[in-house]
């Protein structure tokens, strides 16, 4: 699924396990409980996506783009507070 453009989508509880999403974008997409595991996320644009939780240790994501508020979704597993 490289170069796929998801726009204004409700992608709740979607499984992207093992998918290749290289150069894709999630424009204004709700990714609540979406599963990313062994998902290739190189150069994916998540800057306007929200409610995602992605573990960088299990998903290659070189040059992926995130907004500052989206950083929380990358650190969720560490159970830390970001203020």
N, C-alpha and C. Protein backbone atom coordinates (compact mmCIF):
# COMPACT_ATOMS: atom_id res chain seq x y z
N UNK A 1 0.81 -1.19 0.00
CA UNK A 1 0.00 0.00 0.00
C UNK A 1 0.86 1.27 0.00
N UNK A 2 2.05 1.22 -0.59
CA UNK A 2 2.87 2.43 -0.64
C UNK A 2 2.14 3.57 -1.36
N UNK A 3 2.43 4.77 -0.93
CA UNK A 3 1.92 6.01 -1.53
C UNK A 3 0.39 6.14 -1.45
N UNK A 4 -0.23 5.48 -0.50
CA UNK A 4 -1.68 5.60 -0.32
C UNK A 4 -1.99 6.88 0.44
N UNK A 5 -3.00 7.60 0.00
CA UNK A 5 -3.43 8.82 0.69
C UNK A 5 -4.75 8.54 1.39
N UNK A 6 -4.70 8.58 2.71
CA UNK A 6 -5.90 8.45 3.52
C UNK A 6 -6.32 9.87 3.91
N UNK A 7 -7.53 10.28 3.57
CA UNK A 7 -7.96 11.66 3.83
C UNK A 7 -9.29 11.65 4.56
N UNK A 8 -9.32 12.34 5.72
CA UNK A 8 -10.54 12.47 6.53
C UNK A 8 -11.18 11.11 6.83
N UNK A 9 -10.36 10.15 7.23
CA UNK A 9 -10.85 8.79 7.47
C UNK A 9 -10.98 8.49 8.96
N UNK A 10 -11.94 7.63 9.26
CA UNK A 10 -12.08 7.04 10.59
C UNK A 10 -11.51 5.64 10.47
N UNK A 11 -10.26 5.46 10.88
CA UNK A 11 -9.58 4.18 10.75
C UNK A 11 -9.45 3.52 12.12
N UNK A 12 -10.53 3.49 12.85
CA UNK A 12 -10.55 2.92 14.19
C UNK A 12 -10.42 1.40 14.12
N UNK A 13 -9.51 0.87 14.94
CA UNK A 13 -9.30 -0.57 15.10
C UNK A 13 -8.88 -1.27 13.81
N UNK A 14 -8.28 -0.53 12.88
CA UNK A 14 -7.78 -1.11 11.64
C UNK A 14 -6.44 -1.78 11.92
N UNK A 15 -6.19 -2.90 11.27
CA UNK A 15 -4.91 -3.59 11.41
C UNK A 15 -4.02 -3.31 10.20
N UNK A 16 -2.86 -2.71 10.48
CA UNK A 16 -1.86 -2.49 9.44
C UNK A 16 -0.67 -3.43 9.66
N UNK A 17 -0.89 -4.55 10.34
CA UNK A 17 0.19 -5.48 10.65
C UNK A 17 0.83 -5.99 9.35
N UNK A 18 2.15 -5.82 9.26
CA UNK A 18 2.91 -6.30 8.12
C UNK A 18 2.76 -5.49 6.84
N UNK A 19 2.04 -4.39 6.89
CA UNK A 19 1.81 -3.59 5.68
C UNK A 19 3.01 -2.71 5.35
N UNK A 20 3.15 -2.40 4.09
CA UNK A 20 4.15 -1.44 3.63
C UNK A 20 3.39 -0.16 3.27
N UNK A 21 3.55 0.87 4.09
CA UNK A 21 2.87 2.15 3.88
C UNK A 21 3.85 3.25 3.47
N UNK A 22 5.00 2.89 2.95
CA UNK A 22 6.02 3.85 2.56
C UNK A 22 5.43 4.99 1.73
N UNK A 23 5.78 6.22 2.11
CA UNK A 23 5.35 7.44 1.41
C UNK A 23 3.84 7.66 1.41
N UNK A 24 3.13 7.04 2.31
CA UNK A 24 1.68 7.26 2.44
C UNK A 24 1.43 8.48 3.31
N UNK A 25 0.17 8.90 3.38
CA UNK A 25 -0.18 10.02 4.26
C UNK A 25 -1.54 9.76 4.90
N UNK A 26 -1.67 10.25 6.12
CA UNK A 26 -2.91 10.15 6.88
C UNK A 26 -3.35 11.57 7.20
N UNK A 27 -4.11 12.18 6.31
CA UNK A 27 -4.53 13.57 6.47
C UNK A 27 -5.82 13.63 7.27
N UNK A 28 -5.73 14.21 8.46
CA UNK A 28 -6.90 14.38 9.32
C UNK A 28 -7.62 13.04 9.57
N UNK A 29 -6.85 12.01 9.89
CA UNK A 29 -7.41 10.67 10.10
C UNK A 29 -7.40 10.29 11.57
N UNK A 30 -8.48 9.68 12.02
CA UNK A 30 -8.59 9.15 13.38
C UNK A 30 -8.10 7.71 13.36
N UNK A 31 -6.98 7.44 14.04
CA UNK A 31 -6.37 6.12 14.07
C UNK A 31 -6.53 5.46 15.44
N UNK A 32 -7.64 5.73 16.11
CA UNK A 32 -7.89 5.19 17.44
C UNK A 32 -7.88 3.66 17.42
N UNK A 33 -6.99 3.08 18.22
CA UNK A 33 -6.83 1.63 18.34
C UNK A 33 -6.41 0.94 17.04
N UNK A 34 -5.87 1.68 16.09
CA UNK A 34 -5.29 1.05 14.90
C UNK A 34 -4.03 0.31 15.33
N UNK A 35 -3.76 -0.82 14.69
CA UNK A 35 -2.62 -1.65 15.08
C UNK A 35 -1.52 -1.52 14.04
N UNK A 36 -0.36 -1.05 14.51
CA UNK A 36 0.83 -0.96 13.69
C UNK A 36 1.86 -1.89 14.31
N UNK A 37 2.19 -2.97 13.62
CA UNK A 37 3.19 -3.92 14.11
C UNK A 37 3.89 -4.50 12.88
N UNK A 38 5.20 -4.37 12.84
CA UNK A 38 5.97 -4.79 11.68
C UNK A 38 5.45 -4.10 10.42
N UNK A 39 5.09 -2.82 10.58
CA UNK A 39 4.55 -2.01 9.50
C UNK A 39 5.64 -1.06 9.02
N UNK A 40 5.88 -1.02 7.72
CA UNK A 40 6.90 -0.13 7.18
C UNK A 40 6.28 1.26 7.03
N UNK A 41 6.79 2.20 7.82
CA UNK A 41 6.24 3.56 7.87
C UNK A 41 7.24 4.61 7.39
N UNK A 42 8.16 4.21 6.54
CA UNK A 42 9.18 5.14 6.03
C UNK A 42 8.53 6.28 5.26
N UNK A 43 8.87 7.50 5.63
CA UNK A 43 8.39 8.72 4.98
C UNK A 43 6.87 8.89 5.01
N UNK A 44 6.21 8.28 5.96
CA UNK A 44 4.75 8.45 6.10
C UNK A 44 4.47 9.77 6.81
N UNK A 45 3.44 10.46 6.37
CA UNK A 45 3.05 11.74 6.95
C UNK A 45 1.87 11.56 7.90
N UNK A 46 2.17 11.69 9.21
CA UNK A 46 1.15 11.61 10.25
C UNK A 46 0.87 12.99 10.87
N UNK A 47 1.30 14.07 10.23
CA UNK A 47 1.26 15.39 10.88
C UNK A 47 -0.14 15.83 11.29
N UNK A 48 -1.17 15.44 10.56
CA UNK A 48 -2.52 15.84 10.97
C UNK A 48 -3.37 14.66 11.46
N UNK A 49 -2.76 13.48 11.55
CA UNK A 49 -3.47 12.30 12.08
C UNK A 49 -3.56 12.42 13.61
N UNK A 50 -4.48 11.68 14.20
CA UNK A 50 -4.62 11.73 15.65
C UNK A 50 -5.09 10.40 16.21
N UNK A 51 -4.92 10.25 17.52
CA UNK A 51 -5.30 9.06 18.30
C UNK A 51 -4.51 7.81 17.93
N UNK A 52 -3.33 7.97 17.37
CA UNK A 52 -2.53 6.78 17.05
C UNK A 52 -1.59 6.44 18.18
N UNK A 53 -1.24 5.16 18.26
CA UNK A 53 -0.21 4.66 19.17
C UNK A 53 0.66 3.74 18.34
N UNK A 54 1.91 4.15 18.16
CA UNK A 54 2.83 3.40 17.31
C UNK A 54 4.11 3.17 18.08
N UNK A 55 4.58 1.94 18.12
CA UNK A 55 5.82 1.62 18.80
C UNK A 55 6.97 1.70 17.79
N UNK A 56 7.85 2.70 17.92
CA UNK A 56 8.96 2.84 16.98
C UNK A 56 9.92 1.65 16.97
N UNK A 57 9.92 0.86 18.02
CA UNK A 57 10.82 -0.29 18.08
C UNK A 57 10.39 -1.42 17.16
N UNK A 58 9.12 -1.47 16.80
CA UNK A 58 8.60 -2.57 15.99
C UNK A 58 8.11 -2.13 14.61
N UNK A 59 8.34 -0.87 14.26
CA UNK A 59 7.88 -0.34 12.98
C UNK A 59 8.94 0.58 12.39
N UNK A 60 9.60 0.18 11.30
CA UNK A 60 10.59 1.06 10.70
C UNK A 60 9.93 2.34 10.20
N UNK A 61 10.43 3.50 10.63
CA UNK A 61 9.78 4.75 10.28
C UNK A 61 10.76 5.88 9.98
N UNK A 62 11.82 5.56 9.29
CA UNK A 62 12.78 6.60 8.92
C UNK A 62 12.09 7.69 8.12
N UNK A 63 12.35 8.92 8.50
CA UNK A 63 11.84 10.12 7.82
C UNK A 63 10.32 10.27 7.87
N UNK A 64 9.64 9.55 8.75
CA UNK A 64 8.19 9.76 8.94
C UNK A 64 8.00 11.12 9.60
N UNK A 65 6.84 11.73 9.36
CA UNK A 65 6.56 13.07 9.89
C UNK A 65 5.43 13.00 10.91
N UNK A 66 5.65 13.70 12.04
CA UNK A 66 4.66 13.76 13.11
C UNK A 66 4.54 15.19 13.61
N UNK A 67 3.38 15.55 14.12
CA UNK A 67 3.22 16.86 14.75
C UNK A 67 3.75 16.75 16.18
N UNK A 68 4.01 17.89 16.77
CA UNK A 68 4.50 17.91 18.15
C UNK A 68 3.52 17.22 19.09
N UNK A 69 2.22 17.49 18.96
CA UNK A 69 1.23 16.87 19.84
C UNK A 69 1.11 15.36 19.57
N UNK A 70 1.52 14.90 18.40
CA UNK A 70 1.44 13.48 18.08
C UNK A 70 2.54 12.66 18.70
N UNK A 71 3.56 13.29 19.25
CA UNK A 71 4.67 12.57 19.87
C UNK A 71 4.17 11.65 20.99
N UNK A 72 3.12 12.04 21.65
CA UNK A 72 2.55 11.24 22.73
C UNK A 72 2.23 9.83 22.24
N UNK A 73 1.72 9.71 21.02
CA UNK A 73 1.37 8.42 20.46
C UNK A 73 2.56 7.51 20.19
N UNK A 74 3.77 8.08 20.19
CA UNK A 74 4.98 7.29 19.99
C UNK A 74 5.61 6.86 21.31
N UNK A 75 5.21 7.53 22.38
CA UNK A 75 5.81 7.26 23.69
C UNK A 75 4.85 6.60 24.68
N UNK A 76 3.67 6.28 24.24
CA UNK A 76 2.62 5.76 25.10
C UNK A 76 3.04 4.55 25.93
N UNK A 77 3.80 3.64 25.36
CA UNK A 77 4.16 2.42 26.05
C UNK A 77 5.06 2.67 27.27
N UNK A 78 5.67 3.84 27.34
CA UNK A 78 6.57 4.14 28.44
C UNK A 78 5.85 4.68 29.68
N UNK A 79 4.55 4.91 29.57
CA UNK A 79 3.74 5.38 30.70
C UNK A 79 4.36 6.60 31.38
N UNK A 80 4.71 7.59 30.55
CA UNK A 80 5.29 8.83 31.06
C UNK A 80 4.33 9.97 30.82
N UNK A 81 4.49 11.06 31.56
CA UNK A 81 3.65 12.25 31.40
C UNK A 81 4.41 13.27 30.57
N UNK A 82 3.74 13.79 29.56
CA UNK A 82 4.29 14.86 28.75
C UNK A 82 3.39 16.07 28.91
N UNK A 83 3.98 17.17 29.35
CA UNK A 83 3.17 18.37 29.62
C UNK A 83 3.54 19.49 28.69
